[in-house]
Every structure is written in C-alpha cells, then in structure tokens.
C-alpha cells in the first residue's frame, strides 16, 4: 500500500515538474547551464534503471551546478526512494520554500509541502546529549566527520537510517568515538558524550623535594663548561692585499686600453697625412683627412685618460700596500718572511730595503 502511494506521489511530482518545464519560456530553458542539464538527465536515466544512489548523486551535482526547483524536487524524490527519509524531508521543505511567492510554481510548492508532511511522521531522530560536566574547554563534537553546532546538542535531530559515527575531542584530553545505528523509520536514538579523560601533564619534581646526588669527579669533568681557545684575530693585511690586487688589476686594464687607443690614434693620424699631403690635396681628400684627424684626436683623448687612470691606480696600489696595518707582535714573530723600507737621509738620499726570509 505504501509502495503504491509512493508511486502515485512520484507520478504526481513528475507531472508537476513537466508542467513547470513546459510553462517556462524557451529563453529560460536555453539559458540552463549545459553541465547542470546533462547531470539532471543522467539522474533521470539512473532512476529508471533503479540505481537510486547514483541518481541522487547526479541530481545533487546538478543542483550545485545550477540551483533549480525541478532538480531539487527530483533530488528529494530520489532520497525518499533510497530510504533517506530525513534528507528527503529536508529537500521537500526547501523546495516548498523556494516556490513560495511565485504563482507559476505554486503547484510544485503545494506538492513539495504535501510530500514533506507525509514524511514527517516516518522520520527517525538522533539526540547527542552533552552534559554540563562533559563540556570541557575547546570541546568539539562531530557526526559522520561534520562538526555538530552546540545549538544542536541535547536536541532530537531528524536523521537518515544507518550507522552514524559520533566523536569528540578537546585540548589536553583523550579523544572519544562511538557508533550508533539508526533505523530507517520512526526510531529514537540518543548518545551521551562522556567527560573525556585528561592527558597526564609532564610532571616536574617540586624544588627542594629531593636533592640531586653528588656528581662524581668524572661527571663534573664531563659537565664542566668547555672554554674553546679563541682563534687569533685575522690580520687586516690579507684583506688589504685583495684591495691592492684589485686596484693594480684595474690599472693594468686601464694601461692596456690606453695603449690600444694610442696606437689607434697614431694610425689614424698617419692615414690622414697619407690621404691629404701638403703638396696635393683635393676637397674630397681634405674632408676625409679631417675625419681621420678627428678620429685620431678622439682616440688620443681616450688614451690619455687611460694613462691617467693607470697612473692613479699604480700610486693607489703602492699607498695601500705600504700603509697596511702591521700584524701583532706574536704574528710577526711567527712570520717566516719579512720586508721593511727605511728612508736614508744624508749626502745620498734614498731608501734602504731589508728583510728576512
């Protein structure tokens, strides 16, 4: 008898959906998203084949892709056929609410309301009781992996039939979990969340409670702080030498550049003289010679600048070398080679260079 009434209700729902679809403007139907329409048709096909679980998944995916009253009603009908009465009841109520206020969808709204009312008396309920002494700080209760809001604690909630995993956790406490089996229809189940066991804290002995045993000579030697010998501070000479080498290298590059441009200037000057001699020189030759002279002067200018830079680099390198700070006495004594320069004053002025190797 129930199966017959269910078929009649499904047929009435299908006719109402068909009327709604035919009553929609063609433009509205054409604007439906292709993936949502494809999933909806897939759900219809699976329903005809008796694959209700797969059909419900297709309808739900279509509803997520594009919310539609016809899809929502088909999903609710699918849930009822799959004996997921709480889900079907909730979907029918949502469909009735969505159709409210629209005359074109009034028939579907009435059908959804009637189907929800017919299911309400068949629903099963699950209550998760959380006593006051179990409500430790940071308590989180989940049902089938989804957190249960504290407003739903100690309240009977419509639930689909089948096993449901209830778990809880709180900081500093052991986690807890249980499974409750709910019947498909007219069942009343409840589960109580216990007070979780506290995890043992890392206990430290009170100060002065027990004196530590005297350390042996070997233990004192092992536990004594080790003073590492400080390495002698590096002399500033190596860093200064790097600077000297860099300056000297720059001077060499500048000198090479100056020599190259000097040779180019001399060559351009020779070409100018060969192009236009004082005895015979046409206007064209004079212009060419003038261009070569200009090029020679440019090259000569670059060469002169290069020589100046090279000279400055040489002077700077010598100054840096001879003004480098001396190493500490201990380091000087450990040196295997030394070099000193002293001025020589008198009739023959000059320098005295001495060293040890």
Protein backbone atom coordinates (compact mmCIF):
# COMPACT_ATOMS: atom_id res chain seq x y z
CA UNK A 1 0.00 0.00 0.00
CA UNK A 2 2.86 2.34 0.92
CA UNK A 3 4.68 1.47 -2.31
CA UNK A 4 1.54 2.30 -4.32
CA UNK A 5 1.11 5.66 -2.61
CA UNK A 6 4.80 6.40 -3.12
CA UNK A 7 4.49 5.66 -6.84
CA UNK A 8 1.40 7.85 -7.05
CA UNK A 9 3.21 10.70 -5.31
CA UNK A 10 6.21 10.32 -7.60
CA UNK A 11 3.95 10.34 -10.67
CA UNK A 12 2.17 13.47 -9.46
CA UNK A 13 5.53 15.11 -8.83
CA UNK A 14 6.77 14.18 -12.30
CA UNK A 15 3.65 15.67 -13.90
CA UNK A 16 4.06 18.86 -11.88
CA UNK A 17 7.70 19.16 -12.94
CA UNK A 18 6.70 18.57 -16.57
CA UNK A 19 4.07 21.30 -16.39
CA UNK A 20 6.60 23.69 -14.87
CA UNK A 21 9.13 22.91 -17.58
CA UNK A 22 6.62 23.39 -20.38
CA UNK A 23 5.43 26.61 -18.82
CA UNK A 24 8.89 28.15 -18.75
CA UNK A 25 9.88 30.49 -21.60
CA UNK A 26 12.16 28.97 -24.20
CA UNK A 27 14.81 31.57 -23.39
CA UNK A 28 14.96 30.43 -19.78
CA UNK A 29 15.36 26.81 -20.85
CA UNK A 30 18.09 27.74 -23.30
CA UNK A 31 20.00 29.58 -20.59
CA UNK A 32 20.36 26.44 -18.44
CA UNK A 33 23.98 25.50 -17.90
CA UNK A 34 24.93 22.52 -20.08
CA UNK A 35 26.63 20.58 -17.28
CA UNK A 36 23.62 21.00 -14.98
CA UNK A 37 21.22 19.82 -17.69
CA UNK A 38 23.44 16.85 -18.51
CA UNK A 39 23.64 15.80 -14.85
CA UNK A 40 19.86 16.16 -14.48
CA UNK A 41 19.24 13.89 -17.47
CA UNK A 42 21.79 11.43 -16.13
CA UNK A 43 19.92 11.32 -12.83
CA UNK A 44 16.63 10.62 -14.63
CA UNK A 45 18.21 7.79 -16.58
CA UNK A 46 19.73 6.23 -13.45
CA UNK A 47 16.38 6.45 -11.64
CA UNK A 48 14.72 4.47 -14.44
CA UNK A 49 17.47 1.86 -14.13
CA UNK A 50 16.86 1.57 -10.38
CA UNK A 51 20.27 2.99 -9.43
CA UNK A 52 18.97 5.36 -6.79
CA UNK A 53 22.28 6.06 -5.05
CA UNK A 54 23.98 7.10 -8.29
CA UNK A 55 20.88 9.03 -9.36
CA UNK A 56 20.84 11.04 -6.12
CA UNK A 57 24.50 11.92 -6.63
CA UNK A 58 23.75 13.14 -10.17
CA UNK A 59 20.77 15.24 -9.04
CA UNK A 60 22.79 16.77 -6.20
CA UNK A 61 25.65 17.67 -8.55
CA UNK A 62 23.18 19.25 -10.98
CA UNK A 63 21.60 21.29 -8.17
CA UNK A 64 25.05 22.54 -7.09
CA UNK A 65 25.95 23.46 -10.67
CA UNK A 66 22.71 25.40 -11.13
CA UNK A 67 20.03 25.62 -8.41
CA UNK A 68 16.69 24.67 -9.94
CA UNK A 69 13.34 23.84 -8.35
CA UNK A 70 12.72 20.85 -10.63
CA UNK A 71 16.15 19.42 -9.80
CA UNK A 72 15.61 19.95 -6.07
CA UNK A 73 12.27 18.12 -6.17
CA UNK A 74 13.79 15.27 -8.17
CA UNK A 75 16.58 15.02 -5.59
CA UNK A 76 14.06 14.90 -2.74
CA UNK A 77 12.09 12.17 -4.51
CA UNK A 78 15.32 10.25 -5.08
CA UNK A 79 16.24 10.45 -1.38
CA UNK A 80 12.85 9.06 -0.43
CA UNK A 81 13.25 6.12 -2.80
CA UNK A 82 16.71 5.50 -1.30
CA UNK A 83 15.09 5.39 2.17
CA UNK A 84 16.94 8.52 3.27
CA UNK A 85 13.81 9.99 4.77
CA UNK A 86 15.38 12.85 6.72
CA UNK A 87 17.24 14.08 3.64
CA UNK A 88 14.09 13.77 1.52
CA UNK A 89 12.01 15.65 4.10
CA UNK A 90 14.56 18.49 4.28
CA UNK A 91 14.73 18.75 0.46
CA UNK A 92 10.94 18.89 0.10
CA UNK A 93 10.76 21.67 2.69
CA UNK A 94 13.49 23.59 0.84
CA UNK A 95 11.60 23.18 -2.44
CA UNK A 96 8.35 24.41 -0.85
CA UNK A 97 10.17 27.46 0.50
CA UNK A 98 11.79 28.18 -2.87
CA UNK A 99 8.44 28.01 -4.71
CA UNK A 100 6.70 30.28 -2.23
CA UNK A 101 5.59 33.61 -3.68
CA UNK A 102 5.76 32.56 -7.35
CA UNK A 103 2.37 31.82 -8.91
CA UNK A 104 3.88 29.77 -11.73
CA UNK A 105 5.49 27.43 -9.20
CA UNK A 106 2.58 27.27 -6.76
CA UNK A 107 1.59 23.73 -7.82
CA UNK A 108 5.11 22.45 -7.23
CA UNK A 109 5.20 24.21 -3.88
CA UNK A 110 1.96 22.53 -2.77
CA UNK A 111 3.27 19.13 -3.92
CA UNK A 112 6.52 19.60 -2.02
CA UNK A 113 4.64 20.63 1.13
CA UNK A 114 2.38 17.57 0.95
CA UNK A 115 5.32 15.22 0.42
CA UNK A 116 7.18 16.73 3.39
CA UNK A 117 4.11 16.40 5.62
CA UNK A 118 3.70 12.76 4.62
CA UNK A 119 7.32 12.02 5.54
CA UNK A 120 7.38 13.87 8.85
CA UNK A 121 5.57 11.12 10.75
CA UNK A 122 8.02 8.49 9.48
CA UNK A 123 11.24 10.26 10.47
CA UNK A 124 13.88 8.83 12.80
CA UNK A 125 15.68 11.06 15.29
CA UNK A 126 19.11 11.11 16.90
CA UNK A 127 19.94 13.10 20.04
CA UNK A 128 23.53 13.87 21.05
CA UNK A 129 23.46 14.62 24.77
CA UNK A 130 26.34 16.69 26.16
CA UNK A 131 26.02 17.03 29.97
CA UNK A 132 27.38 20.13 31.67
CA UNK A 133 30.24 18.24 33.31
CA UNK A 134 31.34 16.98 29.88
CA UNK A 135 31.60 20.45 28.36
CA UNK A 136 35.31 20.98 28.81
CA UNK A 137 37.05 23.94 27.22
CA UNK A 138 37.53 23.53 23.48
CA UNK A 139 35.12 20.60 23.13
CA UNK A 140 34.32 19.68 19.51
CA UNK A 141 31.65 17.07 18.69
CA UNK A 142 31.31 15.67 15.17
CA UNK A 143 28.73 13.45 13.47
CA UNK A 144 29.99 11.49 10.47
CA UNK A 145 33.00 13.80 10.28
CA UNK A 146 30.94 17.03 10.31
CA UNK A 147 31.07 19.31 13.35
CA UNK A 148 27.81 19.48 15.28
CA UNK A 149 26.93 23.01 16.35
CA UNK A 150 26.43 23.46 20.08
CA UNK A 151 22.86 24.61 19.38
CA UNK A 152 22.06 21.03 18.27
CA UNK A 153 23.39 19.43 21.44
CA UNK A 154 20.70 17.79 23.58
CA UNK A 155 18.14 18.15 20.75
CA UNK A 156 16.47 15.43 18.66
CA UNK A 157 17.56 15.92 15.05
CA UNK A 158 15.96 14.10 12.06
CA UNK A 159 18.43 11.52 10.83
CA UNK A 160 18.67 9.14 7.89
CA UNK A 161 18.73 5.47 8.76
CA UNK A 162 22.05 3.66 9.04
CA UNK A 163 25.22 3.81 11.14
CA UNK A 164 26.42 7.20 12.35
CA UNK A 165 29.85 7.85 13.89
CA UNK A 166 29.85 10.29 16.81
CA UNK A 167 33.22 11.54 18.04
CA UNK A 168 34.58 14.25 20.28
CA UNK A 169 37.88 15.86 21.19
CA UNK A 170 39.20 18.62 23.42
CA UNK A 171 42.67 20.04 24.06
CA UNK A 172 44.54 18.19 26.79
CA UNK A 173 42.05 15.29 26.81
CA UNK A 174 41.77 11.88 25.23
CA UNK A 175 39.60 11.69 22.12
CA UNK A 176 36.36 9.70 22.13
CA UNK A 177 34.28 7.96 19.46
CA UNK A 178 31.23 5.71 19.20
CA UNK A 179 28.86 4.41 16.51
CA UNK A 180 25.07 4.42 16.78
CA UNK A 181 22.71 2.55 14.47
CA UNK A 182 19.52 4.39 13.48
CA UNK A 183 16.55 2.61 11.91
CA UNK A 184 15.09 3.88 8.63
CA UNK A 185 11.71 4.88 10.12
CA UNK A 186 10.25 6.03 13.45
CA UNK A 187 13.35 5.45 15.54
CA UNK A 188 14.50 7.47 18.54
CA UNK A 189 18.19 7.13 19.36
CA UNK A 190 20.42 9.06 21.71
CA UNK A 191 24.08 9.02 22.63
CA UNK A 192 25.75 10.73 25.57
CA UNK A 193 29.15 12.34 25.31
CA UNK A 194 31.16 11.37 28.40
CA UNK A 195 33.64 13.53 30.23
CA UNK A 196 36.94 12.92 28.50
CA UNK A 197 39.95 11.71 30.44
CA UNK A 198 42.61 14.31 30.91
CA UNK A 199 46.00 13.56 29.45
CA UNK A 200 48.78 13.38 32.06
CA UNK A 201 50.84 16.55 32.20
CA UNK A 202 54.63 16.43 32.17
CA UNK A 203 55.27 16.35 35.93
CA UNK A 204 58.34 18.14 37.32
CA UNK A 205 59.57 17.39 40.88
CA UNK A 206 58.90 20.23 43.34
CA UNK A 207 62.02 22.25 44.13
CA UNK A 208 63.83 21.04 47.24
CA UNK A 209 61.82 17.81 47.44
CA UNK A 210 64.76 15.59 46.65
CA UNK A 211 68.39 16.63 46.49
CA UNK A 212 70.28 15.57 43.44
CA UNK A 213 73.06 13.03 44.09
CA UNK A 214 76.57 14.43 44.27
CA UNK A 215 78.33 14.29 40.96
CA UNK A 216 81.48 12.24 40.67
CA UNK A 217 84.78 13.69 39.54
CA UNK A 218 84.29 12.24 36.08
CA UNK A 219 80.74 13.63 35.80
CA UNK A 220 81.96 17.06 36.89
CA UNK A 221 84.63 16.93 34.24
CA UNK A 222 82.08 15.97 31.59
CA UNK A 223 79.53 18.57 32.67
CA UNK A 224 82.03 21.42 33.14
CA UNK A 225 81.69 24.12 30.52
CA UNK A 226 84.28 23.86 27.84
CA UNK A 227 86.18 27.02 27.00
CA UNK A 228 87.24 26.91 23.40
CA UNK A 229 90.52 28.57 22.57
CA UNK A 230 89.90 31.73 20.66
CA UNK A 231 91.48 31.81 17.29
CA UNK A 232 93.76 34.78 16.76
CA UNK A 233 92.06 37.65 15.02
CA UNK A 234 92.96 37.68 11.39
CA UNK A 235 95.30 40.41 10.32
CA UNK A 236 93.97 43.21 8.19
CA UNK A 237 96.80 42.56 5.74
CA UNK A 238 95.10 39.81 3.66
CA UNK A 239 92.03 41.99 3.06
CA UNK A 240 94.24 44.95 2.20
CA UNK A 241 96.20 42.81 -0.21
CA UNK A 242 92.99 41.88 -2.01
CA UNK A 243 92.19 45.54 -2.43
CA UNK A 244 95.73 46.22 -3.69
CA UNK A 245 95.45 43.41 -6.21
CA UNK A 246 92.10 44.73 -7.40
CA UNK A 247 93.42 48.27 -7.83
CA UNK A 248 96.53 47.00 -9.59
CA UNK A 249 94.44 44.86 -11.92
CA UNK A 250 92.29 47.87 -12.75
CA UNK A 251 95.43 49.85 -13.52
CA UNK A 252 96.69 47.13 -15.85
CA UNK A 253 93.37 47.13 -17.72
CA UNK A 254 93.44 50.93 -17.98
CA UNK A 255 97.03 50.86 -19.25
CA UNK A 256 96.18 48.24 -21.86
CA UNK A 257 93.20 50.29 -23.02
CA UNK A 258 95.34 53.44 -23.21
CA UNK A 259 98.00 51.67 -25.28
CA UNK A 260 95.38 50.32 -27.68
CA UNK A 261 93.73 53.70 -28.23
CA UNK A 262 97.15 55.39 -28.52
CA UNK A 263 98.13 53.06 -31.34
CA UNK A 264 94.76 53.66 -32.99
CA UNK A 265 95.27 57.45 -32.74
CA UNK A 266 98.73 57.19 -34.31
CA UNK A 267 97.35 55.04 -37.12
CA UNK A 268 94.51 57.48 -37.82
CA UNK A 269 96.98 60.38 -37.88
CA UNK A 270 99.18 58.55 -40.37
CA UNK A 271 96.16 57.81 -42.57
CA UNK A 272 95.19 61.49 -42.54
CA UNK A 273 98.67 62.54 -43.69
CA UNK A 274 98.66 59.92 -46.41
CA UNK A 275 95.21 60.97 -47.64
CA UNK A 276 95.94 64.67 -47.92
CA UNK A 277 99.59 65.73 -48.26
CA UNK A 278 100.53 69.42 -48.06
CA UNK A 279 101.59 69.42 -51.74
CA UNK A 280 98.44 67.95 -53.26
CA UNK A 281 95.02 67.72 -51.57
CA UNK A 282 91.59 67.80 -53.20
CA UNK A 283 88.43 68.94 -51.42
CA UNK A 284 87.22 65.34 -51.00
CA UNK A 285 90.62 64.24 -49.72
CA UNK A 286 90.67 67.16 -47.31
CA UNK A 287 87.27 66.14 -45.89
CA UNK A 288 88.41 62.54 -45.47
CA UNK A 289 91.64 63.67 -43.84
CA UNK A 290 89.69 65.92 -41.47
CA UNK A 291 87.51 62.97 -40.43
CA UNK A 292 90.60 60.86 -39.80
CA UNK A 293 92.17 63.66 -37.76
CA UNK A 294 89.01 63.92 -35.64
CA UNK A 295 89.09 60.19 -35.04
CA UNK A 296 92.77 60.40 -34.11
CA UNK A 297 92.08 63.15 -31.57
CA UNK A 298 89.23 61.11 -30.01
CA UNK A 299 91.46 58.05 -29.71
CA UNK A 300 94.24 60.16 -28.25
CA UNK A 301 91.89 61.60 -25.63
CA UNK A 302 90.79 58.12 -24.53
CA UNK A 303 94.42 57.01 -24.43
CA UNK A 304 95.40 59.98 -22.25
CA UNK A 305 92.54 59.26 -19.83
CA UNK A 306 93.58 55.61 -19.71
CA UNK A 307 97.19 56.54 -18.91
CA UNK A 308 95.98 58.85 -16.15
CA UNK A 309 93.77 56.14 -14.64
CA UNK A 310 96.60 53.60 -14.84
CA UNK A 311 98.98 56.02 -13.12
CA UNK A 312 96.47 56.77 -10.38
CA UNK A 313 95.86 53.06 -9.87
CA UNK A 314 99.59 52.41 -9.57
CA UNK A 315 100.01 55.18 -7.00
CA UNK A 316 96.94 53.99 -5.07
CA UNK A 317 98.17 50.39 -5.02
CA UNK A 318 101.56 51.47 -3.66
CA UNK A 319 99.95 53.64 -0.98
CA UNK A 320 97.61 50.84 0.11
CA UNK A 321 100.44 48.35 0.18
CA UNK A 322 102.82 50.39 2.28
CA UNK A 323 100.18 51.79 4.63
CA UNK A 324 98.69 48.39 5.51
CA UNK A 325 98.48 47.84 9.31
CA UNK A 326 101.17 45.64 10.75
CA UNK A 327 100.35 42.27 12.28
CA UNK A 328 100.50 41.76 16.08
CA UNK A 329 103.88 41.01 17.62
CA UNK A 330 103.16 37.33 18.06
CA UNK A 331 102.12 37.02 14.45
CA UNK A 332 105.20 38.96 13.29
CA UNK A 333 107.42 36.60 15.24
CA UNK A 334 105.81 33.61 13.59
CA UNK A 335 106.23 35.02 10.09
CA UNK A 336 108.84 33.21 8.01
CA UNK A 337 109.50 36.24 5.81
CA UNK A 338 109.59 39.98 6.44
CA UNK A 339 110.23 43.14 4.45
CA UNK A 340 110.98 46.70 5.67
CA UNK A 341 111.65 50.02 3.88
CA UNK A 342 113.52 52.83 5.70
CA UNK A 343 114.45 56.31 4.45
CA UNK A 344 118.14 57.10 4.17
CA UNK A 345 118.99 60.72 4.94
CA UNK A 346 122.31 62.31 4.19
CA UNK A 347 124.50 63.05 1.24
CA UNK A 348 122.92 60.26 -0.75
CA UNK A 349 119.21 60.34 -0.04
CA UNK A 350 117.23 57.20 -0.75
CA UNK A 351 115.62 54.13 0.78
CA UNK A 352 117.03 51.06 2.49
CA UNK A 353 115.15 47.85 1.86
CA UNK A 354 115.81 44.98 4.30
CA UNK A 355 114.11 41.70 5.01
CA UNK A 356 114.39 38.23 6.45
CA UNK A 357 113.36 35.01 4.80
